[in-house]
Amino acid sequence: KPDEVFLCVNASNRHTVFAWLADHLPKSVSIEDQSDALCLL
């Protein structure tokens, strides 16, 4: 969406990537982990 970028990341790195992005992204954006709410087929 104009205001959303959706990321697909590796399972074993999910928490690492989330923490890395959360630490380095500016405060103008938010990051949400949707992994536990979604399935992927």
PDB file of all heavy atoms in Angstrom:
ATOM      1  N   LYS A   1       0.856  -1.184   0.000  1.00  0.00           N
ATOM      2  CA  LYS A   1       0.000   0.000   0.000  1.00  0.00           C
ATOM      3  C   LYS A   1       0.894   1.236   0.000  1.00  0.00           C
ATOM      4  O   LYS A   1       2.088   1.133   0.276  1.00  0.00           O
ATOM      5  CB  LYS A   1      -0.905   0.008   1.233  1.00  0.00           C
ATOM      6  CG  LYS A   1      -1.854  -1.170   1.336  1.00  0.00           C
ATOM      7  CD  LYS A   1      -2.618  -1.134   2.648  1.00  0.00           C
ATOM      8  CE  LYS A   1      -3.518  -2.358   2.796  1.00  0.00           C
ATOM      9  NZ  LYS A   1      -4.189  -2.381   4.116  1.00  0.00           N
ATOM     10  N   PRO A   2       0.340   2.408  -0.293  1.00  0.00           N
ATOM     11  CA  PRO A   2       1.169   3.615  -0.251  1.00  0.00           C
ATOM     12  C   PRO A   2       1.856   3.815   1.102  1.00  0.00           C
ATOM     13  O   PRO A   2       2.963   4.364   1.165  1.00  0.00           O
ATOM     14  CB  PRO A   2       0.169   4.741  -0.535  1.00  0.00           C
ATOM     15  CG  PRO A   2      -0.915   4.090  -1.335  1.00  0.00           C
ATOM     16  CD  PRO A   2      -1.027   2.715  -0.782  1.00  0.00           C
ATOM     17  N   ASP A   3       1.193   3.350   2.174  1.00  0.00           N
ATOM     18  CA  ASP A   3       1.759   3.545   3.511  1.00  0.00           C
ATOM     19  C   ASP A   3       2.227   2.234   4.150  1.00  0.00           C
ATOM     20  O   ASP A   3       2.419   2.164   5.363  1.00  0.00           O
ATOM     21  CB  ASP A   3       0.744   4.224   4.430  1.00  0.00           C
ATOM     22  CG  ASP A   3      -0.503   3.376   4.655  1.00  0.00           C
ATOM     23  OD1 ASP A   3      -0.689   2.374   3.922  1.00  0.00           O
ATOM     24  OD2 ASP A   3      -1.287   3.708   5.561  1.00  0.00           O
ATOM     25  N   GLU A   4       2.408   1.170   3.335  1.00  0.00           N
ATOM     26  CA  GLU A   4       2.816  -0.123   3.911  1.00  0.00           C
ATOM     27  C   GLU A   4       3.748  -0.892   2.982  1.00  0.00           C
ATOM     28  O   GLU A   4       3.483  -1.029   1.779  1.00  0.00           O
ATOM     29  CB  GLU A   4       1.595  -1.001   4.214  1.00  0.00           C
ATOM     30  CG  GLU A   4       1.966  -2.356   4.805  1.00  0.00           C
ATOM     31  CD  GLU A   4       0.773  -3.283   5.000  1.00  0.00           C
ATOM     32  OE1 GLU A   4      -0.348  -2.912   4.573  1.00  0.00           O
ATOM     33  OE2 GLU A   4       0.965  -4.369   5.553  1.00  0.00           O
ATOM     34  N   VAL A   5       4.833  -1.397   3.548  1.00  0.00           N
ATOM     35  CA  VAL A   5       5.690  -2.371   2.886  1.00  0.00           C
ATOM     36  C   VAL A   5       5.606  -3.655   3.696  1.00  0.00           C
ATOM     37  O   VAL A   5       5.819  -3.656   4.912  1.00  0.00           O
ATOM     38  CB  VAL A   5       7.150  -1.893   2.788  1.00  0.00           C
ATOM     39  CG1 VAL A   5       8.030  -2.996   2.202  1.00  0.00           C
ATOM     40  CG2 VAL A   5       7.245  -0.640   1.928  1.00  0.00           C
ATOM     41  N   PHE A   6       5.264  -4.738   3.027  1.00  0.00           N
ATOM     42  CA  PHE A   6       5.071  -6.049   3.647  1.00  0.00           C
ATOM     43  C   PHE A   6       6.309  -6.887   3.364  1.00  0.00           C
ATOM     44  O   PHE A   6       6.751  -6.985   2.213  1.00  0.00           O
ATOM     45  CB  PHE A   6       3.814  -6.687   3.047  1.00  0.00           C
ATOM     46  CG  PHE A   6       3.406  -8.003   3.638  1.00  0.00           C
ATOM     47  CD1 PHE A   6       2.877  -8.071   4.913  1.00  0.00           C
ATOM     48  CD2 PHE A   6       3.508  -9.168   2.894  1.00  0.00           C
ATOM     49  CE1 PHE A   6       2.464  -9.288   5.454  1.00  0.00           C
ATOM     50  CE2 PHE A   6       3.101 -10.379   3.409  1.00  0.00           C
ATOM     51  CZ  PHE A   6       2.575 -10.443   4.703  1.00  0.00           C
ATOM     52  N   LEU A   7       6.890  -7.488   4.392  1.00  0.00           N
ATOM     53  CA  LEU A   7       8.135  -8.228   4.240  1.00  0.00           C
ATOM     54  C   LEU A   7       7.941  -9.709   4.540  1.00  0.00           C
ATOM     55  O   LEU A   7       7.293 -10.066   5.532  1.00  0.00           O
ATOM     56  CB  LEU A   7       9.206  -7.682   5.191  1.00  0.00           C
ATOM     57  CG  LEU A   7       9.510  -6.187   5.140  1.00  0.00           C
ATOM     58  CD1 LEU A   7      10.517  -5.824   6.223  1.00  0.00           C
ATOM     59  CD2 LEU A   7      10.033  -5.786   3.762  1.00  0.00           C
ATOM     60  N   CYS A   8       8.489 -10.549   3.695  1.00  0.00           N
ATOM     61  CA  CYS A   8       8.544 -11.988   3.973  1.00  0.00           C
ATOM     62  C   CYS A   8       9.996 -12.314   4.308  1.00  0.00           C
ATOM     63  O   CYS A   8      10.898 -12.070   3.496  1.00  0.00           O
ATOM     64  CB  CYS A   8       8.065 -12.800   2.774  1.00  0.00           C
ATOM     65  SG  CYS A   8       8.032 -14.586   3.100  1.00  0.00           S
ATOM     66  N   VAL A   9      10.216 -12.878   5.509  1.00  0.00           N
ATOM     67  CA  VAL A   9      11.572 -13.146   5.990  1.00  0.00           C
ATOM     68  C   VAL A   9      11.699 -14.619   6.355  1.00  0.00           C
ATOM     69  O   VAL A   9      10.706 -15.333   6.515  1.00  0.00           O
ATOM     70  CB  VAL A   9      11.909 -12.253   7.210  1.00  0.00           C
ATOM     71  CG1 VAL A   9      11.688 -10.783   6.869  1.00  0.00           C
ATOM     72  CG2 VAL A   9      11.069 -12.637   8.429  1.00  0.00           C
ATOM     73  N   ASN A  10      12.942 -15.075   6.501  1.00  0.00           N
ATOM     74  CA  ASN A  10      13.180 -16.471   6.859  1.00  0.00           C
ATOM     75  C   ASN A  10      12.760 -16.756   8.298  1.00  0.00           C
ATOM     76  O   ASN A  10      12.950 -15.924   9.187  1.00  0.00           O
ATOM     77  CB  ASN A  10      14.654 -16.817   6.667  1.00  0.00           C
ATOM     78  CG  ASN A  10      14.990 -17.021   5.204  1.00  0.00           C
ATOM     79  OD1 ASN A  10      14.462 -17.905   4.544  1.00  0.00           O
ATOM     80  ND2 ASN A  10      15.873 -16.176   4.677  1.00  0.00           N
ATOM     81  N   ALA A  11      12.227 -17.950   8.507  1.00  0.00           N
ATOM     82  CA  ALA A  11      11.702 -18.316   9.827  1.00  0.00           C
ATOM     83  C   ALA A  11      12.759 -18.218  10.916  1.00  0.00           C
ATOM     84  O   ALA A  11      12.507 -17.659  11.996  1.00  0.00           O
ATOM     85  CB  ALA A  11      11.143 -19.742   9.772  1.00  0.00           C
ATOM     86  N   SER A  12      13.942 -18.747  10.656  1.00  0.00           N
ATOM     87  CA  SER A  12      14.977 -18.779  11.686  1.00  0.00           C
ATOM     88  C   SER A  12      15.532 -17.391  11.999  1.00  0.00           C
ATOM     89  O   SER A  12      16.164 -17.192  13.035  1.00  0.00           O
ATOM     90  CB  SER A  12      16.119 -19.703  11.256  1.00  0.00           C
ATOM     91  OG  SER A  12      16.642 -19.300  10.004  1.00  0.00           O
ATOM     92  N   ASN A  13      15.275 -16.422  11.101  1.00  0.00           N
ATOM     93  CA  ASN A  13      15.776 -15.058  11.303  1.00  0.00           C
ATOM     94  C   ASN A  13      14.687 -14.066  11.663  1.00  0.00           C
ATOM     95  O   ASN A  13      14.961 -12.874  11.828  1.00  0.00           O
ATOM     96  CB  ASN A  13      16.477 -14.561  10.031  1.00  0.00           C
ATOM     97  CG  ASN A  13      17.696 -15.380   9.700  1.00  0.00           C
ATOM     98  OD1 ASN A  13      18.361 -15.900  10.599  1.00  0.00           O
ATOM     99  ND2 ASN A  13      17.998 -15.523   8.431  1.00  0.00           N
ATOM    100  N   ARG A  14      13.469 -14.542  11.786  1.00  0.00           N
ATOM    101  CA  ARG A  14      12.316 -13.652  11.978  1.00  0.00           C
ATOM    102  C   ARG A  14      12.523 -12.682  13.142  1.00  0.00           C
ATOM    103  O   ARG A  14      12.368 -11.466  12.974  1.00  0.00           O
ATOM    104  CB  ARG A  14      11.073 -14.511  12.212  1.00  0.00           C
ATOM    105  CG  ARG A  14       9.883 -13.778  12.777  1.00  0.00           C
ATOM    106  CD  ARG A  14       8.803 -14.781  13.148  1.00  0.00           C
ATOM    107  NE  ARG A  14       7.862 -14.238  14.106  1.00  0.00           N
ATOM    108  CZ  ARG A  14       6.958 -14.980  14.752  1.00  0.00           C
ATOM    109  NH1 ARG A  14       6.896 -16.285  14.537  1.00  0.00           N
ATOM    110  NH2 ARG A  14       6.130 -14.426  15.614  1.00  0.00           N
ATOM    111  N   HIS A  15      12.871 -13.189  14.308  1.00  0.00           N
ATOM    112  CA  HIS A  15      13.011 -12.332  15.479  1.00  0.00           C
ATOM    113  C   HIS A  15      14.231 -11.428  15.363  1.00  0.00           C
ATOM    114  O   HIS A  15      14.201 -10.263  15.791  1.00  0.00           O
ATOM    115  CB  HIS A  15      13.061 -13.174  16.746  1.00  0.00           C
ATOM    116  CG  HIS A  15      11.828 -13.994  16.981  1.00  0.00           C
ATOM    117  ND1 HIS A  15      10.589 -13.420  17.216  1.00  0.00           N
ATOM    118  CD2 HIS A  15      11.634 -15.341  16.966  1.00  0.00           C
ATOM    119  CE1 HIS A  15       9.685 -14.380  17.365  1.00  0.00           C
ATOM    120  NE2 HIS A  15      10.289 -15.551  17.221  1.00  0.00           N
ATOM    121  N   THR A  16      15.297 -11.958  14.770  1.00  0.00           N
ATOM    122  CA  THR A  16      16.518 -11.160  14.577  1.00  0.00           C
ATOM    123  C   THR A  16      16.257  -9.986  13.647  1.00  0.00           C
ATOM    124  O   THR A  16      16.661  -8.849  13.918  1.00  0.00           O
ATOM    125  CB  THR A  16      17.646 -12.033  14.000  1.00  0.00           C
ATOM    126  OG1 THR A  16      17.903 -13.119  14.895  1.00  0.00           O
ATOM    127  CG2 THR A  16      18.924 -11.235  13.807  1.00  0.00           C
ATOM    128  N   VAL A  17      15.579 -10.250  12.523  1.00  0.00           N
ATOM    129  CA  VAL A  17      15.282  -9.197  11.553  1.00  0.00           C
ATOM    130  C   VAL A  17      14.328  -8.166  12.152  1.00  0.00           C
ATOM    131  O   VAL A  17      14.516  -6.953  11.975  1.00  0.00           O
ATOM    132  CB  VAL A  17      14.693  -9.784  10.252  1.00  0.00           C
ATOM    133  CG1 VAL A  17      14.239  -8.682   9.308  1.00  0.00           C
ATOM    134  CG2 VAL A  17      15.717 -10.662   9.561  1.00  0.00           C
ATOM    135  N   PHE A  18      13.311  -8.653  12.864  1.00  0.00           N
ATOM    136  CA  PHE A  18      12.365  -7.723  13.482  1.00  0.00           C
ATOM    137  C   PHE A  18      13.100  -6.779  14.436  1.00  0.00           C
ATOM    138  O   PHE A  18      12.899  -5.557  14.393  1.00  0.00           O
ATOM    139  CB  PHE A  18      11.284  -8.490  14.237  1.00  0.00           C
ATOM    140  CG  PHE A  18      10.290  -7.600  14.938  1.00  0.00           C
ATOM    141  CD1 PHE A  18       9.187  -7.105  14.255  1.00  0.00           C
ATOM    142  CD2 PHE A  18      10.468  -7.233  16.268  1.00  0.00           C
ATOM    143  CE1 PHE A  18       8.280  -6.264  14.890  1.00  0.00           C
ATOM    144  CE2 PHE A  18       9.570  -6.389  16.908  1.00  0.00           C
ATOM    145  CZ  PHE A  18       8.473  -5.915  16.216  1.00  0.00           C
ATOM    146  N   ALA A  19      13.958  -7.337  15.282  1.00  0.00           N
ATOM    147  CA  ALA A  19      14.692  -6.517  16.249  1.00  0.00           C
ATOM    148  C   ALA A  19      15.642  -5.548  15.554  1.00  0.00           C
ATOM    149  O   ALA A  19      15.750  -4.373  15.948  1.00  0.00           O
ATOM    150  CB  ALA A  19      15.467  -7.412  17.211  1.00  0.00           C
ATOM    151  N   TRP A  20      16.312  -6.014  14.493  1.00  0.00           N
ATOM    152  CA  TRP A  20      17.253  -5.164  13.747  1.00  0.00           C
ATOM    153  C   TRP A  20      16.520  -3.981  13.107  1.00  0.00           C
ATOM    154  O   TRP A  20      16.954  -2.833  13.211  1.00  0.00           O
ATOM    155  CB  TRP A  20      17.966  -5.997  12.692  1.00  0.00           C
ATOM    156  CG  TRP A  20      18.954  -5.229  11.859  1.00  0.00           C
ATOM    157  CD1 TRP A  20      18.727  -4.649  10.637  1.00  0.00           C
ATOM    158  CD2 TRP A  20      20.326  -4.936  12.184  1.00  0.00           C
ATOM    159  NE1 TRP A  20      19.861  -4.033  10.177  1.00  0.00           N
ATOM    160  CE2 TRP A  20      20.872  -4.184  11.100  1.00  0.00           C
ATOM    161  CE3 TRP A  20      21.145  -5.230  13.265  1.00  0.00           C
ATOM    162  CZ2 TRP A  20      22.187  -3.741  11.080  1.00  0.00           C
ATOM    163  CZ3 TRP A  20      22.471  -4.796  13.243  1.00  0.00           C
ATOM    164  CH2 TRP A  20      22.967  -4.059  12.169  1.00  0.00           C
ATOM    165  N   LEU A  21      15.406  -4.282  12.454  1.00  0.00           N
ATOM    166  CA  LEU A  21      14.640  -3.215  11.808  1.00  0.00           C
ATOM    167  C   LEU A  21      14.058  -2.254  12.846  1.00  0.00           C
ATOM    168  O   LEU A  21      14.095  -1.037  12.662  1.00  0.00           O
ATOM    169  CB  LEU A  21      13.523  -3.812  10.945  1.00  0.00           C
ATOM    170  CG  LEU A  21      13.956  -4.657   9.742  1.00  0.00           C
ATOM    171  CD1 LEU A  21      12.734  -5.166   8.982  1.00  0.00           C
ATOM    172  CD2 LEU A  21      14.865  -3.876   8.803  1.00  0.00           C
ATOM    173  N   ALA A  22      13.517  -2.807  13.916  1.00  0.00           N
ATOM    174  CA  ALA A  22      12.929  -1.960  14.955  1.00  0.00           C
ATOM    175  C   ALA A  22      13.964  -1.011  15.551  1.00  0.00           C
ATOM    176  O   ALA A  22      13.652   0.141  15.880  1.00  0.00           O
ATOM    177  CB  ALA A  22      12.322  -2.825  16.053  1.00  0.00           C
ATOM    178  N   ASP A  23      15.200  -1.485  15.662  1.00  0.00           N
ATOM    179  CA  ASP A  23      16.273  -0.660  16.226  1.00  0.00           C
ATOM    180  C   ASP A  23      16.762   0.421  15.267  1.00  0.00           C
ATOM    181  O   ASP A  23      17.285   1.452  15.706  1.00  0.00           O
ATOM    182  CB  ASP A  23      17.464  -1.538  16.624  1.00  0.00           C
ATOM    183  CG  ASP A  23      17.207  -2.319  17.900  1.00  0.00           C
ATOM    184  OD1 ASP A  23      16.232  -1.987  18.606  1.00  0.00           O
ATOM    185  OD2 ASP A  23      17.960  -3.268  18.172  1.00  0.00           O
ATOM    186  N   HIS A  24      16.623   0.179  13.961  1.00  0.00           N
ATOM    187  CA  HIS A  24      17.233   1.080  12.980  1.00  0.00           C
ATOM    188  C   HIS A  24      16.246   1.903  12.159  1.00  0.00           C
ATOM    189  O   HIS A  24      16.648   2.843  11.472  1.00  0.00           O
ATOM    190  CB  HIS A  24      18.144   0.284  12.038  1.00  0.00           C
ATOM    191  CG  HIS A  24      19.368  -0.269  12.711  1.00  0.00           C
ATOM    192  ND1 HIS A  24      19.378  -1.496  13.337  1.00  0.00           N
ATOM    193  CD2 HIS A  24      20.611   0.246  12.871  1.00  0.00           C
ATOM    194  CE1 HIS A  24      20.577  -1.724  13.838  1.00  0.00           C
ATOM    195  NE2 HIS A  24      21.345  -0.687  13.572  1.00  0.00           N
ATOM    196  N   LEU A  25      14.961   1.541  12.184  1.00  0.00           N
ATOM    197  CA  LEU A  25      13.970   2.321  11.439  1.00  0.00           C
ATOM    198  C   LEU A  25      13.695   3.641  12.154  1.00  0.00           C
ATOM    199  O   LEU A  25      13.714   3.706  13.377  1.00  0.00           O
ATOM    200  CB  LEU A  25      12.667   1.533  11.291  1.00  0.00           C
ATOM    201  CG  LEU A  25      12.645   0.416  10.255  1.00  0.00           C
ATOM    202  CD1 LEU A  25      11.407  -0.450  10.433  1.00  0.00           C
ATOM    203  CD2 LEU A  25      12.709   0.989   8.835  1.00  0.00           C
ATOM    204  N   PRO A  26      13.406   4.701  11.396  1.00  0.00           N
ATOM    205  CA  PRO A  26      13.060   5.977  12.026  1.00  0.00           C
ATOM    206  C   PRO A  26      11.710   5.896  12.728  1.00  0.00           C
ATOM    207  O   PRO A  26      10.896   5.008  12.435  1.00  0.00           O
ATOM    208  CB  PRO A  26      13.016   6.944  10.845  1.00  0.00           C
ATOM    209  CG  PRO A  26      12.725   6.088   9.659  1.00  0.00           C
ATOM    210  CD  PRO A  26      13.408   4.784   9.927  1.00  0.00           C
ATOM    211  N   LYS A  27      11.456   6.826  13.620  1.00  0.00           N
ATOM    212  CA  LYS A  27      10.219   6.820  14.401  1.00  0.00           C
ATOM    213  C   LYS A  27       9.001   7.195  13.557  1.00  0.00           C
ATOM    214  O   LYS A  27       7.864   7.098  14.018  1.00  0.00           O
ATOM    215  CB  LYS A  27      10.352   7.772  15.588  1.00  0.00           C
ATOM    216  CG  LYS A  27      11.424   7.358  16.588  1.00  0.00           C
ATOM    217  CD  LYS A  27      11.384   8.215  17.830  1.00  0.00           C
ATOM    218  CE  LYS A  27      12.529   7.857  18.782  1.00  0.00           C
ATOM    219  NZ  LYS A  27      12.478   6.450  19.200  1.00  0.00           N
ATOM    220  N   SER A  28       9.235   7.602  12.314  1.00  0.00           N
ATOM    221  CA  SER A  28       8.118   7.964  11.426  1.00  0.00           C
ATOM    222  C   SER A  28       7.348   6.738  10.933  1.00  0.00           C
ATOM    223  O   SER A  28       6.285   6.876  10.340  1.00  0.00           O
ATOM    224  CB  SER A  28       8.644   8.752  10.226  1.00  0.00           C
ATOM    225  OG  SER A  28       9.584   7.977   9.491  1.00  0.00           O
ATOM    226  N   VAL A  29       7.901   5.536  11.179  1.00  0.00           N
ATOM    227  CA  VAL A  29       7.216   4.312  10.763  1.00  0.00           C
ATOM    228  C   VAL A  29       7.112   3.365  11.949  1.00  0.00           C
ATOM    229  O   VAL A  29       7.860   3.467  12.922  1.00  0.00           O
ATOM    230  CB  VAL A  29       7.941   3.596   9.602  1.00  0.00           C
ATOM    231  CG1 VAL A  29       7.947   4.452   8.350  1.00  0.00           C
ATOM    232  CG2 VAL A  29       9.352   3.185   9.994  1.00  0.00           C
ATOM    233  N   SER A  30       6.170   2.428  11.841  1.00  0.00           N
ATOM    234  CA  SER A  30       6.012   1.385  12.855  1.00  0.00           C
ATOM    235  C   SER A  30       6.245   0.033  12.199  1.00  0.00           C
ATOM    236  O   SER A  30       6.102  -0.113  10.982  1.00  0.00           O
ATOM    237  CB  SER A  30       4.611   1.432  13.463  1.00  0.00           C
ATOM    238  OG  SER A  30       3.633   1.164  12.467  1.00  0.00           O
ATOM    239  N   ILE A  31       6.620  -0.959  12.988  1.00  0.00           N
ATOM    240  CA  ILE A  31       6.820  -2.307  12.453  1.00  0.00           C
ATOM    241  C   ILE A  31       6.016  -3.289  13.292  1.00  0.00           C
ATOM    242  O   ILE A  31       5.990  -3.204  14.522  1.00  0.00           O
ATOM    243  CB  ILE A  31       8.318  -2.687  12.411  1.00  0.00           C
ATOM    244  CG1 ILE A  31       8.489  -4.093  11.801  1.00  0.00           C
ATOM    245  CG2 ILE A  31       8.973  -2.573  13.774  1.00  0.00           C
ATOM    246  CD1 ILE A  31       9.919  -4.440  11.469  1.00  0.00           C
ATOM    247  N   GLU A  32       5.325  -4.194  12.619  1.00  0.00           N
ATOM    248  CA  GLU A  32       4.483  -5.190  13.287  1.00  0.00           C
ATOM    249  C   GLU A  32       4.834  -6.574  12.776  1.00  0.00           C
ATOM    250  O   GLU A  32       4.991  -6.789  11.573  1.00  0.00           O
ATOM    251  CB  GLU A  32       3.003  -4.897  13.006  1.00  0.00           C
ATOM    252  CG  GLU A  32       2.053  -5.903  13.635  1.00  0.00           C
ATOM    253  CD  GLU A  32       0.613  -5.720  13.183  1.00  0.00           C
ATOM    254  OE1 GLU A  32       0.352  -4.800  12.363  1.00  0.00           O
ATOM    255  OE2 GLU A  32      -0.246  -6.495  13.628  1.00  0.00           O
ATOM    256  N   ASP A  33       4.975  -7.525  13.691  1.00  0.00           N
ATOM    257  CA  ASP A  33       5.211  -8.925  13.331  1.00  0.00           C
ATOM    258  C   ASP A  33       3.865  -9.613  13.217  1.00  0.00           C
ATOM    259  O   ASP A  33       3.162  -9.808  14.208  1.00  0.00           O
ATOM    260  CB  ASP A  33       6.076  -9.600  14.396  1.00  0.00           C
ATOM    261  CG  ASP A  33       6.523 -11.001  13.979  1.00  0.00           C
ATOM    262  OD1 ASP A  33       5.923 -11.555  13.041  1.00  0.00           O
ATOM    263  OD2 ASP A  33       7.472 -11.529  14.591  1.00  0.00           O
ATOM    264  N   GLN A  34       3.475  -9.981  11.995  1.00  0.00           N
ATOM    265  CA  GLN A  34       2.179 -10.616  11.742  1.00  0.00           C
ATOM    266  C   GLN A  34       2.293 -12.129  11.582  1.00  0.00           C
ATOM    267  O   GLN A  34       1.317 -12.805  11.265  1.00  0.00           O
ATOM    268  CB  GLN A  34       1.553 -10.020  10.479  1.00  0.00           C
ATOM    269  CG  GLN A  34       1.249  -8.533  10.568  1.00  0.00           C
ATOM    270  CD  GLN A  34       0.575  -8.010   9.307  1.00  0.00           C
ATOM    271  OE1 GLN A  34       0.939  -8.359   8.190  1.00  0.00           O
ATOM    272  NE2 GLN A  34      -0.426  -7.160   9.490  1.00  0.00           N
ATOM    273  N   SER A  35       3.478 -12.658  11.813  1.00  0.00           N
ATOM    274  CA  SER A  35       3.768 -14.064  11.505  1.00  0.00           C
ATOM    275  C   SER A  35       2.820 -15.046  12.185  1.00  0.00           C
ATOM    276  O   SER A  35       2.406 -16.048  11.583  1.00  0.00           O
ATOM    277  CB  SER A  35       5.200 -14.403  11.898  1.00  0.00           C
ATOM    278  OG  SER A  35       6.106 -13.458  11.384  1.00  0.00           O
ATOM    279  N   ASP A  36       2.499 -14.801  13.436  1.00  0.00           N
ATOM    280  CA  ASP A  36       1.670 -15.751  14.177  1.00  0.00           C
ATOM    281  C   ASP A  36       0.199 -15.691  13.787  1.00  0.00           C
ATOM    282  O   ASP A  36      -0.578 -16.567  14.180  1.00  0.00           O
ATOM    283  CB  ASP A  36       1.811 -15.508  15.686  1.00  0.00           C
ATOM    284  CG  ASP A  36       3.197 -15.873  16.195  1.00  0.00           C
ATOM    285  OD1 ASP A  36       3.874 -16.683  15.542  1.00  0.00           O
ATOM    286  OD2 ASP A  36       3.606 -15.324  17.235  1.00  0.00           O
ATOM    287  N   ALA A  37      -0.193 -14.686  13.026  1.00  0.00           N
ATOM    288  CA  ALA A  37      -1.595 -14.553  12.613  1.00  0.00           C
ATOM    289  C   ALA A  37      -1.830 -15.058  11.198  1.00  0.00           C
ATOM    290  O   ALA A  37      -2.974 -15.217  10.775  1.00  0.00           O
ATOM    291  CB  ALA A  37      -2.038 -13.093  12.711  1.00  0.00           C
ATOM    292  N   LEU A  38      -0.735 -15.308  10.466  1.00  0.00           N
ATOM    293  CA  LEU A  38      -0.853 -15.663   9.052  1.00  0.00           C
ATOM    294  C   LEU A  38      -0.260 -17.031   8.737  1.00  0.00           C
ATOM    295  O   LEU A  38       0.713 -17.460   9.363  1.00  0.00           O
ATOM    296  CB  LEU A  38      -0.139 -14.619   8.179  1.00  0.00           C
ATOM    297  CG  LEU A  38      -0.682 -13.196   8.213  1.00  0.00           C
ATOM    298  CD1 LEU A  38       0.235 -12.270   7.420  1.00  0.00           C
ATOM    299  CD2 LEU A  38      -2.100 -13.149   7.655  1.00  0.00           C
ATOM    300  N   CYS A  39      -0.842 -17.679   7.761  1.00  0.00           N
ATOM    301  CA  CYS A  39      -0.263 -18.874   7.148  1.00  0.00           C
ATOM    302  C   CYS A  39       0.180 -18.510   5.736  1.00  0.00           C
ATOM    303  O   CYS A  39      -0.289 -17.520   5.149  1.00  0.00           O
ATOM    304  CB  CYS A  39      -1.275 -20.009   7.091  1.00  0.00           C
ATOM    305  SG  CYS A  39      -1.491 -20.883   8.657  1.00  0.00           S
ATOM    306  N   LEU A  40       1.078 -19.309   5.207  1.00  0.00           N
ATOM    307  CA  LEU A  40       1.569 -19.080   3.849  1.00  0.00           C
ATOM    308  C   LEU A  40       1.576 -20.401   3.093  1.00  0.00           C
ATOM    309  O   LEU A  40       2.276 -21.350   3.478  1.00  0.00           O
ATOM    310  CB  LEU A  40       2.970 -18.472   3.890  1.00  0.00           C
ATOM    311  CG  LEU A  40       3.684 -18.254   2.550  1.00  0.00           C
ATOM    312  CD1 LEU A  40       2.843 -17.395   1.607  1.00  0.00           C
ATOM    313  CD2 LEU A  40       5.055 -17.607   2.781  1.00  0.00           C
ATOM    314  N   LEU A  41       0.784 -20.463   2.038  1.00  0.00           N
ATOM    315  CA  LEU A  41       0.718 -21.632   1.175  1.00  0.00           C
ATOM    316  C   LEU A  41       1.265 -21.245  -0.191  1.00  0.00           C
ATOM    317  O   LEU A  41       1.015 -20.140  -0.674  1.00  0.00           O
ATOM    318  CB  LEU A  41      -0.717 -22.138   1.029  1.00  0.00           C
ATOM    319  CG  LEU A  41      -1.479 -22.418   2.326  1.00  0.00           C
ATOM    320  CD1 LEU A  41      -2.895 -22.897   2.013  1.00  0.00           C
ATOM    321  CD2 LEU A  41      -0.747 -23.435   3.179  1.00  0.00           C
TER     322      LEU A  41
END
